[in-house]
Structures are given as structure tokens and as C-alpha cells.
C-alpha atoms as a PDB file:
ATOM      1  CA  MET A   1     -27.941  24.549  20.405  1.00  0.00           C
ATOM      2  CA  LYS A   2     -25.385  24.244  17.622  1.00  0.00           C
ATOM      3  CA  LEU A   3     -22.366  26.387  16.776  1.00  0.00           C
ATOM      4  CA  THR A   4     -20.208  26.134  13.656  1.00  0.00           C
ATOM      5  CA  LEU A   5     -16.620  27.313  13.972  1.00  0.00           C
ATOM      6  CA  THR A   6     -14.312  27.679  10.980  1.00  0.00           C
ATOM      7  CA  THR A   7     -10.661  28.377  11.741  1.00  0.00           C
ATOM      8  CA  LEU A   8      -7.791  29.335   9.447  1.00  0.00           C
ATOM      9  CA  VAL A   9      -4.276  29.015  10.857  1.00  0.00           C
ATOM     10  CA  ILE A  10      -1.343  30.613   9.022  1.00  0.00           C
ATOM     11  CA  ILE A  11       2.295  29.925   9.878  1.00  0.00           C
ATOM     12  CA  GLU A  12       4.403  32.367   7.909  1.00  0.00           C
ATOM     13  CA  ASP A  13       7.825  30.860   8.567  1.00  0.00           C
ATOM     14  CA  THR A  14       8.417  27.159   9.160  1.00  0.00           C
ATOM     15  CA  SER A  15      12.187  27.317   8.661  1.00  0.00           C
ATOM     16  CA  ASP A  16      13.061  27.398  12.379  1.00  0.00           C
ATOM     17  CA  ASN A  17      12.586  24.554  14.844  1.00  0.00           C
ATOM     18  CA  CYS A  18       9.835  26.344  16.743  1.00  0.00           C
ATOM     19  CA  ASN A  19       6.778  26.616  14.494  1.00  0.00           C
ATOM     20  CA  GLU A  20       4.592  29.260  16.063  1.00  0.00           C
ATOM     21  CA  ILE A  21       1.161  30.262  14.874  1.00  0.00           C
ATOM     22  CA  SER A  22       1.593  33.567  13.111  1.00  0.00           C
ATOM     23  CA  LEU A  23      -2.067  34.317  12.553  1.00  0.00           C
ATOM     24  CA  CYS A  24      -5.321  32.613  13.450  1.00  0.00           C
ATOM     25  CA  TYR A  25      -8.716  33.623  12.072  1.00  0.00           C
ATOM     26  CA  HIS A  26     -12.161  32.400  13.138  1.00  0.00           C
ATOM     27  CA  SER A  27     -15.635  32.614  11.688  1.00  0.00           C
ATOM     28  CA  PHE A  28     -18.884  31.599  13.345  1.00  0.00           C
ATOM     29  CA  GLN A  29     -20.859  31.632  10.084  1.00  0.00           C
ATOM     30  CA  GLU A  30     -22.823  28.414   9.621  1.00  0.00           C
ATOM     31  CA  ASP A  31     -22.625  28.563   5.820  1.00  0.00           C
ATOM     32  CA  PRO A  32     -19.141  27.388   4.707  1.00  0.00           C
ATOM     33  CA  ASN A  33     -18.936  29.866   1.810  1.00  0.00           C
ATOM     34  CA  ARG A  34     -19.848  32.814   4.035  1.00  0.00           C
ATOM     35  CA  ALA A  35     -17.326  31.618   6.628  1.00  0.00           C
ATOM     36  CA  LYS A  36     -14.566  31.476   4.008  1.00  0.00           C
ATOM     37  CA  SER A  37     -15.509  34.934   2.696  1.00  0.00           C
ATOM     38  CA  GLU A  38     -15.388  36.360   6.213  1.00  0.00           C
ATOM     39  CA  ILE A  39     -11.959  34.810   6.818  1.00  0.00           C
ATOM     40  CA  ILE A  40     -10.616  36.049   3.456  1.00  0.00           C
ATOM     41  CA  ALA A  41     -11.789  39.574   4.354  1.00  0.00           C
ATOM     42  CA  ALA A  42     -10.016  39.328   7.724  1.00  0.00           C
ATOM     43  CA  VAL A  43      -6.765  38.182   6.071  1.00  0.00           C
ATOM     44  CA  ASN A  44      -7.042  41.017   3.550  1.00  0.00           C
ATOM     45  CA  GLY A  45      -7.539  43.414   6.458  1.00  0.00           C
ATOM     46  CA  VAL A  46      -4.024  42.524   7.584  1.00  0.00           C
ATOM     47  CA  TYR A  47      -2.186  42.194   4.255  1.00  0.00           C
ATOM     48  CA  ALA A  48      -3.952  44.656   1.910  1.00  0.00           C
ATOM     49  CA  PRO A  49      -3.104  46.772  -0.013  1.00  0.00           C
ATOM     50  CA  ASP A  50       0.269  45.020  -0.539  1.00  0.00           C
ATOM     51  CA  LYS A  51      -1.357  41.635  -1.122  1.00  0.00           C
ATOM     52  CA  VAL A  52      -5.052  40.971  -1.733  1.00  0.00           C
ATOM     53  CA  PHE A  53      -6.536  37.463  -1.675  1.00  0.00           C
ATOM     54  CA  ASN A  54      -9.754  36.422  -3.403  1.00  0.00           C
ATOM     55  CA  THR A  55      -9.887  32.753  -2.420  1.00  0.00           C
ATOM     56  CA  ILE A  56      -8.699  30.419   0.323  1.00  0.00           C
ATOM     57  CA  GLU A  57      -6.614  28.662  -2.343  1.00  0.00           C
ATOM     58  CA  GLU A  58      -4.685  31.898  -3.018  1.00  0.00           C
ATOM     59  CA  ILE A  59      -3.938  32.167   0.703  1.00  0.00           C
ATOM     60  CA  GLN A  60      -2.777  28.536   0.763  1.00  0.00           C
ATOM     61  CA  GLU A  61      -0.455  29.133  -2.208  1.00  0.00           C
ATOM     62  CA  TYR A  62       1.025  32.331  -0.764  1.00  0.00           C
ATOM     63  CA  PHE A  63       1.936  31.179   2.747  1.00  0.00           C
ATOM     64  CA  GLU A  64       4.267  28.377   3.725  1.00  0.00           C
ATOM     65  CA  TYR A  65       1.711  26.593   5.914  1.00  0.00           C
ATOM     66  CA  VAL A  66      -2.059  27.088   6.043  1.00  0.00           C
ATOM     67  CA  HIS A  67      -4.669  24.919   7.748  1.00  0.00           C
ATOM     68  CA  LEU A  68      -8.427  25.407   7.366  1.00  0.00           C
ATOM     69  CA  GLU A  69     -10.817  23.474   9.568  1.00  0.00           C
ATOM     70  CA  SER A  70     -14.527  23.599  10.359  1.00  0.00           C
ATOM     71  CA  GLN A  71     -16.111  22.120  13.449  1.00  0.00           C
ATOM     72  CA  GLU A  72     -19.677  21.793  14.569  1.00  0.00           C
ATOM     73  CA  ILE A  73     -20.148  22.157  18.293  1.00  0.00           C
ATOM     74  CA  LYS A  74     -23.408  20.913  19.788  1.00  0.00           C
ATOM     75  CA  PHE A  75     -24.444  21.635  23.326  1.00  0.00           C
ATOM     76  CA  ILE A  76     -26.514  18.725  24.585  1.00  0.00           C
ATOM     77  CA  GLN A  77     -27.875  19.245  28.107  1.00  0.00           C
ATOM     78  CA  THR A  78     -24.734  19.004  30.254  1.00  0.00           C
ATOM     79  CA  THR A  79     -22.411  17.657  27.547  1.00  0.00           C
ATOM     80  CA  THR A  80     -20.614  19.272  24.651  1.00  0.00           C
ATOM     81  CA  ALA A  81     -19.966  17.311  21.456  1.00  0.00           C
ATOM     82  CA  ILE A  82     -17.431  18.548  18.889  1.00  0.00           C
ATOM     83  CA  LYS A  83     -17.562  17.065  15.415  1.00  0.00           C
ATOM     84  CA  ASP A  84     -15.175  17.882  12.571  1.00  0.00           C
ATOM     85  CA  ILE A  85     -17.092  18.772   9.407  1.00  0.00           C
END
């Protein structure tokens, strides 16, 4: 069994000494483009209609810190392997 997890982390304000995750979005879509679209829609669900994003790049330009990562998680008998993709 295989699971693909794409995560977008947004930190809105990095000016203080305690950088806390402001928002974290996840997608379980296996296709990277569908995962990004799903995450963009979730971000727009929070910020629209004041700000609407069409791409991950627009999100990265707008916020102070953004990290996008995809991982493939495989369940092999009694072990779990996590591989960054």
C-alpha cells in the first residue's frame, strides 16, 4: 500500500523569535498537479475574496515563509518507509 502526502506550510510572520506555523495544508492526491490544485483551493478558502491565488508560486511570493513538500509513504508488512519525492 502506498500513500502520497503533499504538505504546504505557511508562516505569516517570521519577525518574532518564535516562528509558529500559521497554516498547514495537506493533500492526499497522488498526482502532484492535482495535489497542488487542492492545496491552492484550500488556501483560497481561507483568504478569498480579499486575496485569490492561482499558483503555488503566487502563494510563495505573498507570504513571508512557505514550504511545500511531498512524501511517499509505503506500508511494507510491519514496516513503514517514508521517502521524500
